[in-house]
Amino acid sequence: MAETAKNIVGSFREAIQDLLVPEFRALRVSVDSVRTGMQLREDKLQESINAVRTEMQLRDESLRREMQLRDSRTQELIQQLDARTQESICVLSQRLDYAIDIRERLISLEARLSRQ
């Protein structure tokens, strides 16, 4: 009877191994395939992220250069405007001095005429 029980257990073990081992191997192959696919997707995603990062850095550098160029142009325009303003103030000052001089002469002439 012990031998019959061993035979039954052995037969049951063989049947389970015959049925389950191939399934487990198939599952292992499927899991490995999924892992490989996920690794490929992760690699592609990382490449995409790196490409976007590089593009963003290039755009950032381009914008920075453009801002520096505009800043230097703005500084040049401000200097030109300052120079023109200085010139305008000088010209206006000269005209004002000239007008004051003419006014003083006119007052002097009017004073002479009123005495006569």
N, C-alpha and C. Protein backbone atom coordinates (compact mmCIF):
# COMPACT_ATOMS: atom_id res chain seq x y z
N MET A 1 0.79 -1.18 0.00
CA MET A 1 0.00 0.00 0.00
C MET A 1 0.85 1.27 0.00
N ALA A 2 1.93 1.25 0.73
CA ALA A 2 2.82 2.40 0.75
C ALA A 2 3.39 2.62 -0.64
N GLU A 3 3.63 1.51 -1.29
CA GLU A 3 4.17 1.63 -2.63
C GLU A 3 3.13 2.20 -3.58
N THR A 4 1.91 1.81 -3.43
CA THR A 4 0.83 2.34 -4.26
C THR A 4 0.69 3.84 -4.02
N ALA A 5 0.78 4.25 -2.76
CA ALA A 5 0.69 5.67 -2.44
C ALA A 5 1.84 6.43 -3.07
N LYS A 6 3.04 5.83 -3.04
CA LYS A 6 4.20 6.48 -3.67
C LYS A 6 3.98 6.59 -5.17
N ASN A 7 3.43 5.55 -5.77
CA ASN A 7 3.15 5.58 -7.21
C ASN A 7 2.12 6.66 -7.54
N ILE A 8 1.10 6.74 -6.70
CA ILE A 8 0.05 7.76 -6.94
C ILE A 8 0.66 9.15 -6.80
N VAL A 9 1.44 9.37 -5.76
CA VAL A 9 2.08 10.68 -5.55
C VAL A 9 3.05 10.95 -6.69
N GLY A 10 3.82 9.96 -7.10
CA GLY A 10 4.76 10.13 -8.22
C GLY A 10 4.03 10.44 -9.50
N SER A 11 2.94 9.73 -9.76
CA SER A 11 2.15 9.99 -10.98
C SER A 11 1.56 11.39 -10.93
N PHE A 12 1.07 11.77 -9.75
CA PHE A 12 0.47 13.10 -9.60
C PHE A 12 1.55 14.17 -9.81
N ARG A 13 2.73 13.93 -9.25
CA ARG A 13 3.84 14.87 -9.41
C ARG A 13 4.24 14.99 -10.88
N GLU A 14 4.34 13.87 -11.59
CA GLU A 14 4.68 13.89 -13.02
C GLU A 14 3.62 14.63 -13.83
N ALA A 15 2.37 14.37 -13.50
CA ALA A 15 1.28 15.05 -14.22
C ALA A 15 1.34 16.55 -14.01
N ILE A 16 1.58 16.97 -12.77
CA ILE A 16 1.68 18.41 -12.48
C ILE A 16 2.88 19.01 -13.20
N GLN A 17 4.01 18.29 -13.14
CA GLN A 17 5.20 18.81 -13.82
C GLN A 17 4.97 18.87 -15.32
N ASP A 18 4.32 17.85 -15.87
CA ASP A 18 4.06 17.85 -17.31
C ASP A 18 3.12 18.99 -17.71
N LEU A 19 2.21 19.33 -16.83
CA LEU A 19 1.24 20.39 -17.15
C LEU A 19 1.75 21.78 -16.78
N LEU A 20 2.34 21.91 -15.60
CA LEU A 20 2.69 23.24 -15.10
C LEU A 20 4.04 23.76 -15.56
N VAL A 21 5.04 22.89 -15.66
CA VAL A 21 6.38 23.35 -16.03
C VAL A 21 6.37 24.06 -17.39
N PRO A 22 5.72 23.47 -18.43
CA PRO A 22 5.69 24.20 -19.71
C PRO A 22 4.96 25.54 -19.59
N GLU A 23 3.91 25.58 -18.77
CA GLU A 23 3.17 26.84 -18.58
C GLU A 23 4.06 27.88 -17.89
N PHE A 24 4.80 27.41 -16.89
CA PHE A 24 5.69 28.33 -16.18
C PHE A 24 6.78 28.85 -17.12
N ARG A 25 7.28 27.96 -17.96
CA ARG A 25 8.30 28.40 -18.92
C ARG A 25 7.71 29.40 -19.91
N ALA A 26 6.50 29.13 -20.36
CA ALA A 26 5.84 30.07 -21.28
C ALA A 26 5.60 31.41 -20.59
N LEU A 27 5.21 31.36 -19.33
CA LEU A 27 5.02 32.61 -18.57
C LEU A 27 6.34 33.36 -18.41
N ARG A 28 7.40 32.62 -18.13
CA ARG A 28 8.71 33.25 -17.99
C ARG A 28 9.12 33.94 -19.29
N VAL A 29 8.89 33.25 -20.43
CA VAL A 29 9.20 33.84 -21.73
C VAL A 29 8.36 35.11 -21.94
N SER A 30 7.08 35.05 -21.57
CA SER A 30 6.20 36.21 -21.71
C SER A 30 6.67 37.36 -20.83
N VAL A 31 7.04 37.05 -19.61
CA VAL A 31 7.52 38.09 -18.68
C VAL A 31 8.81 38.70 -19.20
N ASP A 32 9.71 37.86 -19.69
CA ASP A 32 10.97 38.37 -20.25
C ASP A 32 10.69 39.26 -21.47
N SER A 33 9.74 38.83 -22.28
CA SER A 33 9.38 39.62 -23.45
C SER A 33 8.81 40.98 -23.05
N VAL A 34 7.95 40.96 -22.05
CA VAL A 34 7.37 42.22 -21.55
C VAL A 34 8.46 43.12 -20.98
N ARG A 35 9.38 42.52 -20.22
CA ARG A 35 10.49 43.30 -19.65
C ARG A 35 11.32 43.94 -20.76
N THR A 36 11.61 43.13 -21.79
CA THR A 36 12.39 43.66 -22.91
C THR A 36 11.64 44.80 -23.59
N GLY A 37 10.35 44.60 -23.83
CA GLY A 37 9.54 45.65 -24.45
C GLY A 37 9.51 46.90 -23.60
N MET A 38 9.35 46.74 -22.30
CA MET A 38 9.32 47.90 -21.41
C MET A 38 10.67 48.60 -21.39
N GLN A 39 11.74 47.84 -21.43
CA GLN A 39 13.08 48.44 -21.45
C GLN A 39 13.28 49.25 -22.73
N LEU A 40 12.81 48.69 -23.85
CA LEU A 40 12.91 49.42 -25.12
C LEU A 40 12.10 50.71 -25.07
N ARG A 41 10.89 50.63 -24.52
CA ARG A 41 10.05 51.83 -24.39
C ARG A 41 10.70 52.86 -23.47
N GLU A 42 11.28 52.36 -22.39
CA GLU A 42 11.95 53.27 -21.45
C GLU A 42 13.13 53.95 -22.13
N ASP A 43 13.89 53.18 -22.92
CA ASP A 43 15.03 53.75 -23.64
C ASP A 43 14.55 54.80 -24.64
N LYS A 44 13.48 54.50 -25.38
CA LYS A 44 12.94 55.47 -26.34
C LYS A 44 12.43 56.71 -25.62
N LEU A 45 11.78 56.52 -24.50
CA LEU A 45 11.28 57.65 -23.72
C LEU A 45 12.44 58.50 -23.22
N GLN A 46 13.49 57.87 -22.76
CA GLN A 46 14.66 58.61 -22.29
C GLN A 46 15.30 59.38 -23.44
N GLU A 47 15.36 58.77 -24.63
CA GLU A 47 15.89 59.47 -25.80
C GLU A 47 15.04 60.68 -26.13
N SER A 48 13.72 60.51 -26.06
CA SER A 48 12.82 61.63 -26.34
C SER A 48 13.00 62.74 -25.32
N ILE A 49 13.13 62.37 -24.06
CA ILE A 49 13.34 63.36 -23.01
C ILE A 49 14.65 64.10 -23.24
N ASN A 50 15.69 63.36 -23.59
CA ASN A 50 16.98 64.00 -23.86
C ASN A 50 16.90 64.93 -25.06
N ALA A 51 16.16 64.53 -26.10
CA ALA A 51 16.01 65.37 -27.28
C ALA A 51 15.26 66.66 -26.92
N VAL A 52 14.21 66.52 -26.13
CA VAL A 52 13.45 67.71 -25.70
C VAL A 52 14.34 68.61 -24.85
N ARG A 53 15.10 68.00 -23.95
CA ARG A 53 16.00 68.78 -23.08
C ARG A 53 17.02 69.55 -23.93
N THR A 54 17.58 68.88 -24.92
CA THR A 54 18.56 69.54 -25.79
C THR A 54 17.91 70.68 -26.56
N GLU A 55 16.72 70.43 -27.08
CA GLU A 55 16.02 71.48 -27.83
C GLU A 55 15.70 72.66 -26.92
N MET A 56 15.28 72.39 -25.69
CA MET A 56 14.98 73.47 -24.76
C MET A 56 16.24 74.27 -24.43
N GLN A 57 17.37 73.59 -24.28
CA GLN A 57 18.61 74.29 -24.00
C GLN A 57 19.02 75.17 -25.18
N LEU A 58 18.85 74.65 -26.39
CA LEU A 58 19.18 75.44 -27.58
C LEU A 58 18.28 76.67 -27.67
N ARG A 59 16.99 76.48 -27.41
CA ARG A 59 16.06 77.62 -27.44
C ARG A 59 16.41 78.63 -26.36
N ASP A 60 16.77 78.13 -25.19
CA ASP A 60 17.14 79.01 -24.09
C ASP A 60 18.36 79.84 -24.46
N GLU A 61 19.36 79.19 -25.03
CA GLU A 61 20.56 79.90 -25.45
C GLU A 61 20.24 80.92 -26.54
N SER A 62 19.39 80.54 -27.48
CA SER A 62 19.00 81.45 -28.55
C SER A 62 18.27 82.66 -27.99
N LEU A 63 17.34 82.42 -27.08
CA LEU A 63 16.61 83.53 -26.47
C LEU A 63 17.55 84.42 -25.66
N ARG A 64 18.48 83.82 -24.96
CA ARG A 64 19.44 84.60 -24.18
C ARG A 64 20.28 85.49 -25.09
N ARG A 65 20.75 84.93 -26.21
CA ARG A 65 21.53 85.74 -27.16
C ARG A 65 20.68 86.87 -27.74
N GLU A 66 19.44 86.56 -28.08
CA GLU A 66 18.55 87.58 -28.63
C GLU A 66 18.29 88.68 -27.61
N MET A 67 18.10 88.30 -26.36
CA MET A 67 17.88 89.31 -25.32
C MET A 67 19.12 90.17 -25.12
N GLN A 68 20.29 89.56 -25.17
CA GLN A 68 21.53 90.33 -25.02
C GLN A 68 21.69 91.30 -26.18
N LEU A 69 21.37 90.83 -27.38
CA LEU A 69 21.47 91.69 -28.56
C LEU A 69 20.50 92.86 -28.44
N ARG A 70 19.26 92.58 -28.03
CA ARG A 70 18.28 93.65 -27.86
C ARG A 70 18.69 94.60 -26.74
N ASP A 71 19.27 94.05 -25.69
CA ASP A 71 19.72 94.90 -24.59
C ASP A 71 20.82 95.84 -25.06
N SER A 72 21.78 95.32 -25.83
CA SER A 72 22.86 96.18 -26.33
C SER A 72 22.31 97.22 -27.30
N ARG A 73 21.34 96.82 -28.13
CA ARG A 73 20.72 97.80 -29.04
C ARG A 73 19.99 98.87 -28.25
N THR A 74 19.30 98.46 -27.20
CA THR A 74 18.58 99.42 -26.36
C THR A 74 19.56 100.38 -25.71
N GLN A 75 20.68 99.86 -25.23
CA GLN A 75 21.70 100.73 -24.62
C GLN A 75 22.24 101.73 -25.64
N GLU A 76 22.47 101.27 -26.86
CA GLU A 76 22.94 102.17 -27.92
C GLU A 76 21.91 103.26 -28.18
N LEU A 77 20.64 102.88 -28.28
CA LEU A 77 19.58 103.85 -28.53
C LEU A 77 19.48 104.85 -27.38
N ILE A 78 19.62 104.37 -26.17
CA ILE A 78 19.57 105.28 -25.01
C ILE A 78 20.73 106.26 -25.06
N GLN A 79 21.91 105.79 -25.41
CA GLN A 79 23.07 106.68 -25.53
C GLN A 79 22.85 107.71 -26.63
N GLN A 80 22.31 107.26 -27.76
CA GLN A 80 22.02 108.20 -28.85
C GLN A 80 20.99 109.23 -28.42
N LEU A 81 19.96 108.76 -27.72
CA LEU A 81 18.92 109.67 -27.24
C LEU A 81 19.49 110.65 -26.22
N ASP A 82 20.35 110.18 -25.35
CA ASP A 82 21.00 111.07 -24.38
C ASP A 82 21.83 112.14 -25.11
N ALA A 83 22.59 111.71 -26.12
CA ALA A 83 23.41 112.67 -26.87
C ALA A 83 22.54 113.70 -27.57
N ARG A 84 21.44 113.25 -28.19
CA ARG A 84 20.54 114.19 -28.87
C ARG A 84 19.88 115.13 -27.87
N THR A 85 19.52 114.59 -26.71
CA THR A 85 18.89 115.42 -25.69
C THR A 85 19.88 116.47 -25.20
N GLN A 86 21.12 116.08 -24.99
CA GLN A 86 22.16 117.03 -24.57
C GLN A 86 22.32 118.13 -25.62
N GLU A 87 22.37 117.71 -26.90
CA GLU A 87 22.50 118.69 -27.98
C GLU A 87 21.30 119.63 -28.00
N SER A 88 20.11 119.08 -27.86
CA SER A 88 18.89 119.90 -27.87
C SER A 88 18.89 120.88 -26.70
N ILE A 89 19.33 120.43 -25.55
CA ILE A 89 19.39 121.31 -24.38
C ILE A 89 20.40 122.43 -24.62
N CYS A 90 21.55 122.09 -25.21
CA CYS A 90 22.55 123.12 -25.52
C CYS A 90 21.99 124.15 -26.49
N VAL A 91 21.36 123.67 -27.55
CA VAL A 91 20.79 124.57 -28.55
C VAL A 91 19.72 125.45 -27.91
N LEU A 92 18.85 124.85 -27.13
CA LEU A 92 17.79 125.59 -26.44
C LEU A 92 18.39 126.62 -25.48
N SER A 93 19.43 126.24 -24.78
CA SER A 93 20.10 127.16 -23.86
C SER A 93 20.69 128.34 -24.62
N GLN A 94 21.32 128.06 -25.76
CA GLN A 94 21.90 129.14 -26.58
C GLN A 94 20.81 130.07 -27.08
N ARG A 95 19.70 129.50 -27.53
CA ARG A 95 18.59 130.33 -28.03
C ARG A 95 17.99 131.17 -26.90
N LEU A 96 17.89 130.57 -25.73
CA LEU A 96 17.36 131.29 -24.58
C LEU A 96 18.30 132.44 -24.19
N ASP A 97 19.60 132.16 -24.19
CA ASP A 97 20.59 133.23 -23.91
C ASP A 97 20.47 134.35 -24.94
N TYR A 98 20.31 133.96 -26.20
CA TYR A 98 20.17 134.94 -27.28
C TYR A 98 18.89 135.76 -27.09
N ALA A 99 17.79 135.07 -26.73
CA ALA A 99 16.53 135.78 -26.51
C ALA A 99 16.63 136.74 -25.33
N ILE A 100 17.30 136.32 -24.26
CA ILE A 100 17.48 137.19 -23.09
C ILE A 100 18.33 138.40 -23.46
N ASP A 101 19.36 138.17 -24.24
CA ASP A 101 20.22 139.26 -24.69
C ASP A 101 19.42 140.26 -25.52
N ILE A 102 18.60 139.75 -26.43
CA ILE A 102 17.77 140.64 -27.28
C ILE A 102 16.79 141.40 -26.39
N ARG A 103 16.21 140.73 -25.42
CA ARG A 103 15.24 141.38 -24.52
C ARG A 103 15.92 142.50 -23.73
N GLU A 104 17.14 142.21 -23.23
CA GLU A 104 17.87 143.25 -22.48
C GLU A 104 18.18 144.45 -23.36
N ARG A 105 18.58 144.19 -24.61
CA ARG A 105 18.85 145.29 -25.54
C ARG A 105 17.59 146.08 -25.84
N LEU A 106 16.48 145.35 -25.99
CA LEU A 106 15.21 146.01 -26.27
C LEU A 106 14.79 146.90 -25.09
N ILE A 107 14.97 146.39 -23.90
CA ILE A 107 14.64 147.18 -22.70
C ILE A 107 15.53 148.42 -22.63
N SER A 108 16.81 148.25 -22.97
CA SER A 108 17.75 149.37 -22.96
C SER A 108 17.34 150.40 -24.00
N LEU A 109 16.95 149.94 -25.20
CA LEU A 109 16.52 150.87 -26.26
C LEU A 109 15.24 151.59 -25.86
N GLU A 110 14.31 150.86 -25.29
CA GLU A 110 13.05 151.48 -24.86
C GLU A 110 13.29 152.51 -23.77
N ALA A 111 14.26 152.22 -22.88
CA ALA A 111 14.58 153.18 -21.83
C ALA A 111 15.18 154.43 -22.42
N ARG A 112 16.04 154.32 -23.44
CA ARG A 112 16.63 155.48 -24.11
C ARG A 112 15.56 156.31 -24.82
N LEU A 113 14.67 155.59 -25.49
CA LEU A 113 13.62 156.29 -26.25
C LEU A 113 12.66 157.02 -25.32
N SER A 114 12.37 156.45 -24.20
CA SER A 114 11.42 157.09 -23.29
C SER A 114 12.06 158.31 -22.62
N ARG A 115 13.41 158.39 -22.51
CA ARG A 115 14.08 159.53 -21.97
C ARG A 115 14.12 160.68 -22.94
N GLN A 116 14.06 160.38 -24.18
CA GLN A 116 14.18 161.44 -25.19
C GLN A 116 12.90 162.07 -25.45
